[in-house]
PDB file of N, CA and C in Angstrom:
ATOM      1  N   UNK A   1     -52.865 -42.009 -42.591  1.00  0.00           N
ATOM      2  CA  UNK A   1     -52.958 -40.619 -42.203  1.00  0.00           C
ATOM      3  C   UNK A   1     -52.435 -39.712 -43.318  1.00  0.00           C
ATOM      4  N   UNK A   2     -51.550 -40.248 -44.142  1.00  0.00           N
ATOM      5  CA  UNK A   2     -50.991 -39.446 -45.233  1.00  0.00           C
ATOM      6  C   UNK A   2     -52.059 -39.043 -46.245  1.00  0.00           C
ATOM      7  N   UNK A   3     -53.019 -39.923 -46.498  1.00  0.00           N
ATOM      8  CA  UNK A   3     -54.067 -39.608 -47.464  1.00  0.00           C
ATOM      9  C   UNK A   3     -54.968 -38.494 -46.927  1.00  0.00           C
ATOM     10  N   UNK A   4     -55.231 -38.483 -45.635  1.00  0.00           N
ATOM     11  CA  UNK A   4     -56.042 -37.422 -45.030  1.00  0.00           C
ATOM     12  C   UNK A   4     -55.303 -36.098 -45.124  1.00  0.00           C
ATOM     13  N   UNK A   5     -54.024 -36.117 -44.793  1.00  0.00           N
ATOM     14  CA  UNK A   5     -53.212 -34.896 -44.858  1.00  0.00           C
ATOM     15  C   UNK A   5     -53.154 -34.370 -46.295  1.00  0.00           C
ATOM     16  N   UNK A   6     -52.958 -35.270 -47.258  1.00  0.00           N
ATOM     17  CA  UNK A   6     -52.906 -34.849 -48.663  1.00  0.00           C
ATOM     18  C   UNK A   6     -54.248 -34.285 -49.131  1.00  0.00           C
ATOM     19  N   UNK A   7     -55.347 -34.890 -48.694  1.00  0.00           N
ATOM     20  CA  UNK A   7     -56.670 -34.373 -49.058  1.00  0.00           C
ATOM     21  C   UNK A   7     -56.897 -32.990 -48.462  1.00  0.00           C
ATOM     22  N   UNK A   8     -56.427 -32.783 -47.239  1.00  0.00           N
ATOM     23  CA  UNK A   8     -56.558 -31.463 -46.616  1.00  0.00           C
ATOM     24  C   UNK A   8     -55.705 -30.415 -47.326  1.00  0.00           C
ATOM     25  N   UNK A   9     -54.506 -30.786 -47.738  1.00  0.00           N
ATOM     26  CA  UNK A   9     -53.670 -29.854 -48.501  1.00  0.00           C
ATOM     27  C   UNK A   9     -54.363 -29.488 -49.808  1.00  0.00           C
ATOM     28  N   UNK A  10     -54.963 -30.472 -50.461  1.00  0.00           N
ATOM     29  CA  UNK A  10     -55.702 -30.238 -51.698  1.00  0.00           C
ATOM     30  C   UNK A  10     -56.841 -29.238 -51.469  1.00  0.00           C
ATOM     31  N   UNK A  11     -57.634 -29.455 -50.428  1.00  0.00           N
ATOM     32  CA  UNK A  11     -58.741 -28.545 -50.113  1.00  0.00           C
ATOM     33  C   UNK A  11     -58.238 -27.152 -49.739  1.00  0.00           C
ATOM     34  N   UNK A  12     -57.121 -27.099 -49.035  1.00  0.00           N
ATOM     35  CA  UNK A  12     -56.529 -25.821 -48.638  1.00  0.00           C
ATOM     36  C   UNK A  12     -56.121 -25.013 -49.875  1.00  0.00           C
ATOM     37  N   UNK A  13     -55.521 -25.689 -50.840  1.00  0.00           N
ATOM     38  CA  UNK A  13     -55.109 -25.004 -52.074  1.00  0.00           C
ATOM     39  C   UNK A  13     -56.316 -24.591 -52.916  1.00  0.00           C
ATOM     40  N   UNK A  14     -57.355 -25.423 -52.950  1.00  0.00           N
ATOM     41  CA  UNK A  14     -58.579 -25.041 -53.669  1.00  0.00           C
ATOM     42  C   UNK A  14     -59.232 -23.812 -53.033  1.00  0.00           C
ATOM     43  N   UNK A  15     -59.235 -23.749 -51.710  1.00  0.00           N
ATOM     44  CA  UNK A  15     -59.808 -22.591 -51.031  1.00  0.00           C
ATOM     45  C   UNK A  15     -58.996 -21.338 -51.328  1.00  0.00           C
ATOM     46  N   UNK A  16     -57.676 -21.470 -51.394  1.00  0.00           N
ATOM     47  CA  UNK A  16     -56.830 -20.330 -51.754  1.00  0.00           C
ATOM     48  C   UNK A  16     -57.159 -19.856 -53.160  1.00  0.00           C
ATOM     49  N   UNK A  17     -57.358 -20.779 -54.070  1.00  0.00           N
ATOM     50  CA  UNK A  17     -57.743 -20.423 -55.432  1.00  0.00           C
ATOM     51  C   UNK A  17     -59.110 -19.740 -55.451  1.00  0.00           C
ATOM     52  N   UNK A  18     -60.017 -20.159 -54.579  1.00  0.00           N
ATOM     53  CA  UNK A  18     -61.321 -19.526 -54.479  1.00  0.00           C
ATOM     54  C   UNK A  18     -61.239 -18.090 -53.996  1.00  0.00           C
ATOM     55  N   UNK A  19     -60.346 -17.826 -53.051  1.00  0.00           N
ATOM     56  CA  UNK A  19     -60.162 -16.452 -52.575  1.00  0.00           C
ATOM     57  C   UNK A  19     -59.658 -15.576 -53.715  1.00  0.00           C
ATOM     58  N   UNK A  20     -58.661 -16.064 -54.436  1.00  0.00           N
ATOM     59  CA  UNK A  20     -58.114 -15.299 -55.559  1.00  0.00           C
ATOM     60  C   UNK A  20     -59.187 -15.113 -56.636  1.00  0.00           C
ATOM     61  N   UNK A  21     -59.980 -16.138 -56.883  1.00  0.00           N
ATOM     62  CA  UNK A  21     -61.050 -16.033 -57.889  1.00  0.00           C
ATOM     63  C   UNK A  21     -62.096 -15.002 -57.466  1.00  0.00           C
ATOM     64  N   UNK A  22     -62.492 -15.010 -56.202  1.00  0.00           N
ATOM     65  CA  UNK A  22     -63.450 -14.030 -55.716  1.00  0.00           C
ATOM     66  C   UNK A  22     -62.916 -12.613 -55.812  1.00  0.00           C
ATOM     67  N   UNK A  23     -61.648 -12.460 -55.489  1.00  0.00           N
ATOM     68  CA  UNK A  23     -60.991 -11.159 -55.603  1.00  0.00           C
ATOM     69  C   UNK A  23     -61.011 -10.679 -57.057  1.00  0.00           C
ATOM     70  N   UNK A  24     -60.601 -11.546 -57.975  1.00  0.00           N
ATOM     71  CA  UNK A  24     -60.559 -11.157 -59.390  1.00  0.00           C
ATOM     72  C   UNK A  24     -61.954 -10.929 -59.955  1.00  0.00           C
ATOM     73  N   UNK A  25     -62.929 -11.739 -59.521  1.00  0.00           N
ATOM     74  CA  UNK A  25     -64.310 -11.529 -59.975  1.00  0.00           C
ATOM     75  C   UNK A  25     -64.801 -10.146 -59.571  1.00  0.00           C
ATOM     76  N   UNK A  26     -64.485  -9.760 -58.358  1.00  0.00           N
ATOM     77  CA  UNK A  26     -64.960  -8.466 -57.872  1.00  0.00           C
ATOM     78  C   UNK A  26     -64.197  -7.317 -58.531  1.00  0.00           C
ATOM     79  N   UNK A  27     -62.915  -7.501 -58.809  1.00  0.00           N
ATOM     80  CA  UNK A  27     -62.123  -6.444 -59.430  1.00  0.00           C
ATOM     81  C   UNK A  27     -62.498  -6.230 -60.886  1.00  0.00           C
ATOM     82  N   UNK A  28     -62.822  -7.302 -61.585  1.00  0.00           N
ATOM     83  CA  UNK A  28     -63.047  -7.202 -63.028  1.00  0.00           C
ATOM     84  C   UNK A  28     -64.455  -6.773 -63.399  1.00  0.00           C
ATOM     85  N   UNK A  29     -65.426  -7.111 -62.601  1.00  0.00           N
ATOM     86  CA  UNK A  29     -66.753  -6.750 -63.050  1.00  0.00           C
ATOM     87  C   UNK A  29     -67.755  -6.562 -61.945  1.00  0.00           C
ATOM     88  N   UNK A  30     -67.325  -6.711 -60.732  1.00  0.00           N
ATOM     89  CA  UNK A  30     -68.252  -6.552 -59.635  1.00  0.00           C
ATOM     90  C   UNK A  30     -69.360  -7.587 -59.641  1.00  0.00           C
ATOM     91  N   UNK A  31     -69.017  -8.832 -59.960  1.00  0.00           N
ATOM     92  CA  UNK A  31     -70.001  -9.916 -59.974  1.00  0.00           C
ATOM     93  C   UNK A  31     -70.685  -9.995 -58.613  1.00  0.00           C
ATOM     94  N   UNK A  32     -71.984 -10.199 -58.613  1.00  0.00           N
ATOM     95  CA  UNK A  32     -72.784 -10.160 -57.383  1.00  0.00           C
ATOM     96  C   UNK A  32     -72.392 -11.242 -56.374  1.00  0.00           C
ATOM     97  N   UNK A  33     -71.917 -12.384 -56.853  1.00  0.00           N
ATOM     98  CA  UNK A  33     -71.573 -13.470 -55.942  1.00  0.00           C
ATOM     99  C   UNK A  33     -70.119 -13.438 -55.485  1.00  0.00           C
ATOM    100  N   UNK A  34     -69.334 -12.510 -55.991  1.00  0.00           N
ATOM    101  CA  UNK A  34     -67.908 -12.453 -55.662  1.00  0.00           C
ATOM    102  C   UNK A  34     -67.649 -12.328 -54.162  1.00  0.00           C
ATOM    103  N   UNK A  35     -68.350 -11.447 -53.426  1.00  0.00           N
ATOM    104  CA  UNK A  35     -68.079 -11.365 -51.981  1.00  0.00           C
ATOM    105  C   UNK A  35     -68.349 -12.670 -51.238  1.00  0.00           C
ATOM    106  N   UNK A  36     -69.387 -13.402 -51.639  1.00  0.00           N
ATOM    107  CA  UNK A  36     -69.682 -14.674 -50.974  1.00  0.00           C
ATOM    108  C   UNK A  36     -68.641 -15.734 -51.309  1.00  0.00           C
ATOM    109  N   UNK A  37     -68.172 -15.730 -52.553  1.00  0.00           N
ATOM    110  CA  UNK A  37     -67.107 -16.659 -52.944  1.00  0.00           C
ATOM    111  C   UNK A  37     -65.867 -16.399 -52.104  1.00  0.00           C
ATOM    112  N   UNK A  38     -65.522 -15.135 -51.960  1.00  0.00           N
ATOM    113  CA  UNK A  38     -64.342 -14.757 -51.194  1.00  0.00           C
ATOM    114  C   UNK A  38     -64.502 -15.152 -49.726  1.00  0.00           C
ATOM    115  N   UNK A  39     -65.651 -14.875 -49.146  1.00  0.00           N
ATOM    116  CA  UNK A  39     -65.877 -15.191 -47.735  1.00  0.00           C
ATOM    117  C   UNK A  39     -65.856 -16.691 -47.481  1.00  0.00           C
ATOM    118  N   UNK A  40     -66.608 -17.453 -48.257  1.00  0.00           N
ATOM    119  CA  UNK A  40     -66.675 -18.897 -48.031  1.00  0.00           C
ATOM    120  C   UNK A  40     -65.322 -19.562 -48.272  1.00  0.00           C
ATOM    121  N   UNK A  41     -64.595 -19.081 -49.257  1.00  0.00           N
ATOM    122  CA  UNK A  41     -63.265 -19.640 -49.520  1.00  0.00           C
ATOM    123  C   UNK A  41     -62.304 -19.312 -48.388  1.00  0.00           C
ATOM    124  N   UNK A  42     -62.392 -18.098 -47.850  1.00  0.00           N
ATOM    125  CA  UNK A  42     -61.485 -17.731 -46.758  1.00  0.00           C
ATOM    126  C   UNK A  42     -61.808 -18.524 -45.487  1.00  0.00           C
ATOM    127  N   UNK A  43     -63.080 -18.737 -45.215  1.00  0.00           N
ATOM    128  CA  UNK A  43     -63.450 -19.553 -44.055  1.00  0.00           C
ATOM    129  C   UNK A  43     -63.006 -21.003 -44.235  1.00  0.00           C
ATOM    130  N   UNK A  44     -63.181 -21.513 -45.449  1.00  0.00           N
ATOM    131  CA  UNK A  44     -62.741 -22.882 -45.739  1.00  0.00           C
ATOM    132  C   UNK A  44     -61.237 -23.011 -45.559  1.00  0.00           C
ATOM    133  N   UNK A  45     -60.505 -22.046 -46.068  1.00  0.00           N
ATOM    134  CA  UNK A  45     -59.051 -22.118 -45.950  1.00  0.00           C
ATOM    135  C   UNK A  45     -58.605 -22.033 -44.493  1.00  0.00           C
ATOM    136  N   UNK A  46     -59.269 -21.202 -43.709  1.00  0.00           N
ATOM    137  CA  UNK A  46     -58.928 -21.092 -42.289  1.00  0.00           C
ATOM    138  C   UNK A  46     -59.178 -22.408 -41.554  1.00  0.00           C
ATOM    139  N   UNK A  47     -60.351 -22.976 -41.746  1.00  0.00           N
ATOM    140  CA  UNK A  47     -60.698 -24.222 -41.049  1.00  0.00           C
ATOM    141  C   UNK A  47     -59.802 -25.371 -41.502  1.00  0.00           C
ATOM    142  N   UNK A  48     -59.579 -25.479 -42.805  1.00  0.00           N
ATOM    143  CA  UNK A  48     -58.736 -26.569 -43.306  1.00  0.00           C
ATOM    144  C   UNK A  48     -57.287 -26.373 -42.861  1.00  0.00           C
ATOM    145  N   UNK A  49     -56.826 -25.136 -42.789  1.00  0.00           N
ATOM    146  CA  UNK A  49     -55.479 -24.879 -42.283  1.00  0.00           C
ATOM    147  C   UNK A  49     -55.325 -25.325 -40.839  1.00  0.00           C
ATOM    148  N   UNK A  50     -56.332 -25.046 -40.025  1.00  0.00           N
ATOM    149  CA  UNK A  50     -56.289 -25.514 -38.635  1.00  0.00           C
ATOM    150  C   UNK A  50     -56.318 -27.036 -38.564  1.00  0.00           C
ATOM    151  N   UNK A  51     -57.131 -27.657 -39.419  1.00  0.00           N
ATOM    152  CA  UNK A  51     -57.150 -29.123 -39.465  1.00  0.00           C
ATOM    153  C   UNK A  51     -55.806 -29.691 -39.906  1.00  0.00           C
ATOM    154  N   UNK A  52     -55.160 -29.019 -40.852  1.00  0.00           N
ATOM    155  CA  UNK A  52     -53.833 -29.465 -41.300  1.00  0.00           C
ATOM    156  C   UNK A  52     -52.828 -29.475 -40.152  1.00  0.00           C
ATOM    157  N   UNK A  53     -52.844 -28.425 -39.361  1.00  0.00           N
ATOM    158  CA  UNK A  53     -51.929 -28.369 -38.221  1.00  0.00           C
ATOM    159  C   UNK A  53     -52.285 -29.458 -37.214  1.00  0.00           C
ATOM    160  N   UNK A  54     -53.566 -29.655 -36.958  1.00  0.00           N
ATOM    161  CA  UNK A  54     -53.974 -30.698 -36.014  1.00  0.00           C
ATOM    162  C   UNK A  54     -53.590 -32.087 -36.467  1.00  0.00           C
ATOM    163  N   UNK A  55     -53.850 -32.397 -37.732  1.00  0.00           N
ATOM    164  CA  UNK A  55     -53.492 -33.721 -38.269  1.00  0.00           C
ATOM    165  C   UNK A  55     -51.984 -33.892 -38.291  1.00  0.00           C
ATOM    166  N   UNK A  56     -51.275 -32.818 -38.655  1.00  0.00           N
ATOM    167  CA  UNK A  56     -49.813 -32.891 -38.675  1.00  0.00           C
ATOM    168  C   UNK A  56     -49.227 -33.105 -37.291  1.00  0.00           C
ATOM    169  N   UNK A  57     -49.814 -32.454 -36.290  1.00  0.00           N
ATOM    170  CA  UNK A  57     -49.334 -32.628 -34.920  1.00  0.00           C
ATOM    171  C   UNK A  57     -49.618 -34.033 -34.397  1.00  0.00           C
ATOM    172  N   UNK A  58     -50.723 -34.637 -34.854  1.00  0.00           N
ATOM    173  CA  UNK A  58     -51.017 -36.007 -34.437  1.00  0.00           C
ATOM    174  C   UNK A  58     -50.018 -36.983 -35.055  1.00  0.00           C
ATOM    175  N   UNK A  59     -49.504 -36.643 -36.220  1.00  0.00           N
ATOM    176  CA  UNK A  59     -48.510 -37.484 -36.874  1.00  0.00           C
ATOM    177  C   UNK A  59     -47.122 -37.107 -36.386  1.00  0.00           C
ATOM    178  N   UNK A  60     -46.179 -37.228 -37.291  1.00  0.00           N
ATOM    179  CA  UNK A  60     -44.808 -36.944 -36.902  1.00  0.00           C
ATOM    180  C   UNK A  60     -44.274 -35.652 -37.535  1.00  0.00           C
ATOM    181  N   UNK A  61     -45.161 -34.781 -37.981  1.00  0.00           N
ATOM    182  CA  UNK A  61     -44.742 -33.521 -38.594  1.00  0.00           C
ATOM    183  C   UNK A  61     -44.175 -32.589 -37.533  1.00  0.00           C
ATOM    184  N   UNK A  62     -43.169 -31.832 -37.945  1.00  0.00           N
ATOM    185  CA  UNK A  62     -42.535 -30.868 -37.057  1.00  0.00           C
ATOM    186  C   UNK A  62     -42.811 -29.478 -37.608  1.00  0.00           C
ATOM    187  N   UNK A  63     -43.662 -28.705 -36.929  1.00  0.00           N
ATOM    188  CA  UNK A  63     -44.079 -27.396 -37.406  1.00  0.00           C
ATOM    189  C   UNK A  63     -43.290 -26.282 -36.732  1.00  0.00           C
ATOM    190  N   UNK A  64     -43.084 -25.204 -37.467  1.00  0.00           N
ATOM    191  CA  UNK A  64     -42.568 -23.962 -36.905  1.00  0.00           C
ATOM    192  C   UNK A  64     -43.789 -23.192 -36.412  1.00  0.00           C
ATOM    193  N   UNK A  65     -43.995 -23.153 -35.113  1.00  0.00           N
ATOM    194  CA  UNK A  65     -45.224 -22.597 -34.557  1.00  0.00           C
ATOM    195  C   UNK A  65     -45.315 -21.088 -34.726  1.00  0.00           C
ATOM    196  N   UNK A  66     -44.190 -20.415 -34.838  1.00  0.00           N
ATOM    197  CA  UNK A  66     -44.223 -18.978 -35.103  1.00  0.00           C
ATOM    198  C   UNK A  66     -44.762 -18.735 -36.517  1.00  0.00           C
ATOM    199  N   UNK A  67     -44.308 -19.540 -37.463  1.00  0.00           N
ATOM    200  CA  UNK A  67     -44.805 -19.430 -38.839  1.00  0.00           C
ATOM    201  C   UNK A  67     -46.309 -19.709 -38.889  1.00  0.00           C
ATOM    202  N   UNK A  68     -46.755 -20.730 -38.171  1.00  0.00           N
ATOM    203  CA  UNK A  68     -48.172 -21.074 -38.145  1.00  0.00           C
ATOM    204  C   UNK A  68     -48.975 -19.926 -37.526  1.00  0.00           C
ATOM    205  N   UNK A  69     -48.436 -19.301 -36.482  1.00  0.00           N
ATOM    206  CA  UNK A  69     -49.128 -18.179 -35.846  1.00  0.00           C
ATOM    207  C   UNK A  69     -49.249 -16.995 -36.797  1.00  0.00           C
ATOM    208  N   UNK A  70     -48.187 -16.703 -37.544  1.00  0.00           N
ATOM    209  CA  UNK A  70     -48.225 -15.606 -38.513  1.00  0.00           C
ATOM    210  C   UNK A  70     -49.257 -15.906 -39.590  1.00  0.00           C
ATOM    211  N   UNK A  71     -49.258 -17.139 -40.100  1.00  0.00           N
ATOM    212  CA  UNK A  71     -50.228 -17.518 -41.125  1.00  0.00           C
ATOM    213  C   UNK A  71     -51.658 -17.455 -40.579  1.00  0.00           C
ATOM    214  N   UNK A  72     -51.860 -17.819 -39.321  1.00  0.00           N
ATOM    215  CA  UNK A  72     -53.180 -17.755 -38.709  1.00  0.00           C
ATOM    216  C   UNK A  72     -53.672 -16.314 -38.608  1.00  0.00           C
ATOM    217  N   UNK A  73     -52.798 -15.407 -38.191  1.00  0.00           N
ATOM    218  CA  UNK A  73     -53.187 -13.998 -38.068  1.00  0.00           C
ATOM    219  C   UNK A  73     -53.553 -13.432 -39.439  1.00  0.00           C
ATOM    220  N   UNK A  74     -52.753 -13.751 -40.448  1.00  0.00           N
ATOM    221  CA  UNK A  74     -53.049 -13.269 -41.800  1.00  0.00           C
ATOM    222  C   UNK A  74     -54.355 -13.876 -42.297  1.00  0.00           C
ATOM    223  N   UNK A  75     -54.578 -15.164 -42.040  1.00  0.00           N
ATOM    224  CA  UNK A  75     -55.822 -15.816 -42.468  1.00  0.00           C
ATOM    225  C   UNK A  75     -57.032 -15.204 -41.767  1.00  0.00           C
ATOM    226  N   UNK A  76     -56.897 -14.867 -40.506  1.00  0.00           N
ATOM    227  CA  UNK A  76     -57.991 -14.202 -39.800  1.00  0.00           C
ATOM    228  C   UNK A  76     -58.270 -12.823 -40.394  1.00  0.00           C
ATOM    229  N   UNK A  77     -57.223 -12.118 -40.799  1.00  0.00           N
ATOM    230  CA  UNK A  77     -57.416 -10.815 -41.449  1.00  0.00           C
ATOM    231  C   UNK A  77     -58.151 -10.978 -42.776  1.00  0.00           C
ATOM    232  N   UNK A  78     -57.857 -12.057 -43.508  1.00  0.00           N
ATOM    233  CA  UNK A  78     -58.563 -12.328 -44.768  1.00  0.00           C
ATOM    234  C   UNK A  78     -60.041 -12.602 -44.491  1.00  0.00           C
ATOM    235  N   UNK A  79     -60.334 -13.362 -43.446  1.00  0.00           N
ATOM    236  CA  UNK A  79     -61.728 -13.657 -43.096  1.00  0.00           C
ATOM    237  C   UNK A  79     -62.458 -12.375 -42.699  1.00  0.00           C
ATOM    238  N   UNK A  80     -61.813 -11.522 -41.911  1.00  0.00           N
ATOM    239  CA  UNK A  80     -62.434 -10.253 -41.517  1.00  0.00           C
ATOM    240  C   UNK A  80     -62.717  -9.401 -42.749  1.00  0.00           C
ATOM    241  N   UNK A  81     -61.752  -9.328 -43.668  1.00  0.00           N
ATOM    242  CA  UNK A  81     -61.975  -8.571 -44.906  1.00  0.00           C
ATOM    243  C   UNK A  81     -63.131  -9.184 -45.698  1.00  0.00           C
ATOM    244  N   UNK A  82     -63.226 -10.508 -45.695  1.00  0.00           N
ATOM    245  CA  UNK A  82     -64.320 -11.179 -46.396  1.00  0.00           C
ATOM    246  C   UNK A  82     -65.674 -10.884 -45.778  1.00  0.00           C
ATOM    247  N   UNK A  83     -65.753 -10.883 -44.454  1.00  0.00           N
ATOM    248  CA  UNK A  83     -67.017 -10.583 -43.765  1.00  0.00           C
ATOM    249  C   UNK A  83     -67.435  -9.140 -44.049  1.00  0.00           C
ATOM    250  N   UNK A  84     -66.494  -8.221 -43.920  1.00  0.00           N
ATOM    251  CA  UNK A  84     -66.804  -6.814 -44.188  1.00  0.00           C
ATOM    252  C   UNK A  84     -67.206  -6.604 -45.646  1.00  0.00           C
ATOM    253  N   UNK A  85     -66.594  -7.362 -46.535  1.00  0.00           N
ATOM    254  CA  UNK A  85     -66.888  -7.245 -47.958  1.00  0.00           C
ATOM    255  C   UNK A  85     -68.289  -7.763 -48.287  1.00  0.00           C
ATOM    256  N   UNK A  86     -68.767  -8.761 -47.559  1.00  0.00           N
ATOM    257  CA  UNK A  86     -70.125  -9.257 -47.776  1.00  0.00           C
ATOM    258  C   UNK A  86     -71.139  -8.233 -47.257  1.00  0.00           C
ATOM    259  N   UNK A  87     -70.830  -7.636 -46.111  1.00  0.00           N
ATOM    260  CA  UNK A  87     -71.751  -6.654 -45.532  1.00  0.00           C
ATOM    261  C   UNK A  87     -71.875  -5.414 -46.398  1.00  0.00           C
ATOM    262  N   UNK A  88     -70.745  -4.962 -46.928  1.00  0.00           N
ATOM    263  CA  UNK A  88     -70.730  -3.771 -47.778  1.00  0.00           C
ATOM    264  C   UNK A  88     -69.665  -3.994 -48.845  1.00  0.00           C
ATOM    265  N   UNK A  89     -70.051  -4.522 -49.997  1.00  0.00           N
ATOM    266  CA  UNK A  89     -69.064  -4.842 -51.040  1.00  0.00           C
ATOM    267  C   UNK A  89     -68.227  -3.625 -51.444  1.00  0.00           C
ATOM    268  N   UNK A  90     -66.923  -3.844 -51.424  1.00  0.00           N
ATOM    269  CA  UNK A  90     -65.974  -2.796 -51.779  1.00  0.00           C
ATOM    270  C   UNK A  90     -64.769  -3.465 -52.420  1.00  0.00           C
ATOM    271  N   UNK A  91     -64.350  -2.949 -53.549  1.00  0.00           N
ATOM    272  CA  UNK A  91     -63.224  -3.565 -54.254  1.00  0.00           C
ATOM    273  C   UNK A  91     -61.936  -3.442 -53.452  1.00  0.00           C
ATOM    274  N   UNK A  92     -61.837  -2.448 -52.563  1.00  0.00           N
ATOM    275  CA  UNK A  92     -60.619  -2.323 -51.743  1.00  0.00           C
ATOM    276  C   UNK A  92     -60.532  -3.443 -50.710  1.00  0.00           C
ATOM    277  N   UNK A  93     -61.676  -3.864 -50.171  1.00  0.00           N
ATOM    278  CA  UNK A  93     -61.666  -4.991 -49.239  1.00  0.00           C
ATOM    279  C   UNK A  93     -61.301  -6.284 -49.956  1.00  0.00           C
ATOM    280  N   UNK A  94     -61.821  -6.446 -51.173  1.00  0.00           N
ATOM    281  CA  UNK A  94     -61.465  -7.622 -51.966  1.00  0.00           C
ATOM    282  C   UNK A  94     -59.977  -7.598 -52.298  1.00  0.00           C
ATOM    283  N   UNK A  95     -59.466  -6.420 -52.615  1.00  0.00           N
ATOM    284  CA  UNK A  95     -58.032  -6.279 -52.891  1.00  0.00           C
ATOM    285  C   UNK A  95     -57.211  -6.649 -51.664  1.00  0.00           C
ATOM    286  N   UNK A  96     -57.630  -6.163 -50.502  1.00  0.00           N
ATOM    287  CA  UNK A  96     -56.914  -6.489 -49.269  1.00  0.00           C
ATOM    288  C   UNK A  96     -56.908  -8.003 -49.021  1.00  0.00           C
ATOM    289  N   UNK A  97     -58.048  -8.645 -49.220  1.00  0.00           N
ATOM    290  CA  UNK A  97     -58.121 -10.092 -49.018  1.00  0.00           C
ATOM    291  C   UNK A  97     -57.223 -10.827 -50.003  1.00  0.00           C
ATOM    292  N   UNK A  98     -57.221 -10.394 -51.254  1.00  0.00           N
ATOM    293  CA  UNK A  98     -56.375 -11.032 -52.262  1.00  0.00           C
ATOM    294  C   UNK A  98     -54.894 -10.859 -51.981  1.00  0.00           C
ATOM    295  N   UNK A  99     -54.503  -9.652 -51.617  1.00  0.00           N
ATOM    296  CA  UNK A  99     -53.085  -9.378 -51.328  1.00  0.00           C
ATOM    297  C   UNK A  99     -52.645 -10.142 -50.081  1.00  0.00           C
ATOM    298  N   UNK A 100     -53.487 -10.172 -49.057  1.00  0.00           N
ATOM    299  CA  UNK A 100     -53.140 -10.931 -47.855  1.00  0.00           C
ATOM    300  C   UNK A 100     -53.042 -12.423 -48.137  1.00  0.00           C
ATOM    301  N   UNK A 101     -53.859 -12.932 -49.028  1.00  0.00           N
ATOM    302  CA  UNK A 101     -53.772 -14.342 -49.403  1.00  0.00           C
ATOM    303  C   UNK A 101     -52.462 -14.629 -50.115  1.00  0.00           C
ATOM    304  N   UNK A 102     -52.081 -13.745 -51.025  1.00  0.00           N
ATOM    305  CA  UNK A 102     -50.794 -13.907 -51.714  1.00  0.00           C
ATOM    306  C   UNK A 102     -49.647 -13.811 -50.703  1.00  0.00           C
ATOM    307  N   UNK A 103     -49.766 -12.909 -49.733  1.00  0.00           N
ATOM    308  CA  UNK A 103     -48.765 -12.811 -48.669  1.00  0.00           C
ATOM    309  C   UNK A 103     -48.670 -14.122 -47.896  1.00  0.00           C
ATOM    310  N   UNK A 104     -49.816 -14.728 -47.597  1.00  0.00           N
ATOM    311  CA  UNK A 104     -49.829 -15.996 -46.867  1.00  0.00           C
ATOM    312  C   UNK A 104     -49.167 -17.111 -47.673  1.00  0.00           C
ATOM    313  N   UNK A 105     -49.382 -17.105 -48.974  1.00  0.00           N
ATOM    314  CA  UNK A 105     -48.704 -18.082 -49.832  1.00  0.00           C
ATOM    315  C   UNK A 105     -47.194 -17.849 -49.785  1.00  0.00           C
ATOM    316  N   UNK A 106     -46.791 -16.584 -49.816  1.00  0.00           N
ATOM    317  CA  UNK A 106     -45.365 -16.266 -49.721  1.00  0.00           C
ATOM    318  C   UNK A 106     -44.755 -16.729 -48.416  1.00  0.00           C
ATOM    319  N   UNK A 107     -45.487 -16.540 -47.319  1.00  0.00           N
ATOM    320  CA  UNK A 107     -44.993 -17.017 -46.017  1.00  0.00           C
ATOM    321  C   UNK A 107     -44.868 -18.540 -46.035  1.00  0.00           C
ATOM    322  N   UNK A 108     -45.847 -19.213 -46.617  1.00  0.00           N
ATOM    323  CA  UNK A 108     -45.813 -20.679 -46.667  1.00  0.00           C
ATOM    324  C   UNK A 108     -44.631 -21.186 -47.486  1.00  0.00           C
ATOM    325  N   UNK A 109     -44.328 -20.511 -48.574  1.00  0.00           N
ATOM    326  CA  UNK A 109     -43.291 -21.001 -49.495  1.00  0.00           C
ATOM    327  C   UNK A 109     -41.888 -20.592 -49.058  1.00  0.00           C
ATOM    328  N   UNK A 110     -41.736 -19.327 -48.672  1.00  0.00           N
ATOM    329  CA  UNK A 110     -40.391 -18.800 -48.472  1.00  0.00           C
ATOM    330  C   UNK A 110     -39.903 -18.800 -47.030  1.00  0.00           C
ATOM    331  N   UNK A 111     -40.767 -19.081 -46.066  1.00  0.00           N
ATOM    332  CA  UNK A 111     -40.329 -19.072 -44.675  1.00  0.00           C
ATOM    333  C   UNK A 111     -39.756 -20.416 -44.335  1.00  0.00           C
TER     334      UNK A 111
END
């Protein structure tokens, strides 16, 4: 089960990097695919994060459920910003998604 959990953590971190990459792509040059990169990465990170909690709960991991709830709400806000950004690309929505992702990393590390 440890290998599955480690693979999910790896995918979760790659998705976080994708969100940041989509944000920077849109801020630096307005690349046409940036909103889709941001959206798909945010959806991937949300789904993999939920899988991480599920796999961890099946094992012997002890989670702080309040922290998980806060991270879930922030991740949902990133997905909403990503969806809105695909419908009508705006650098402010990309900025919001990027800042919220960095906030989520801060919650993960410092909480």
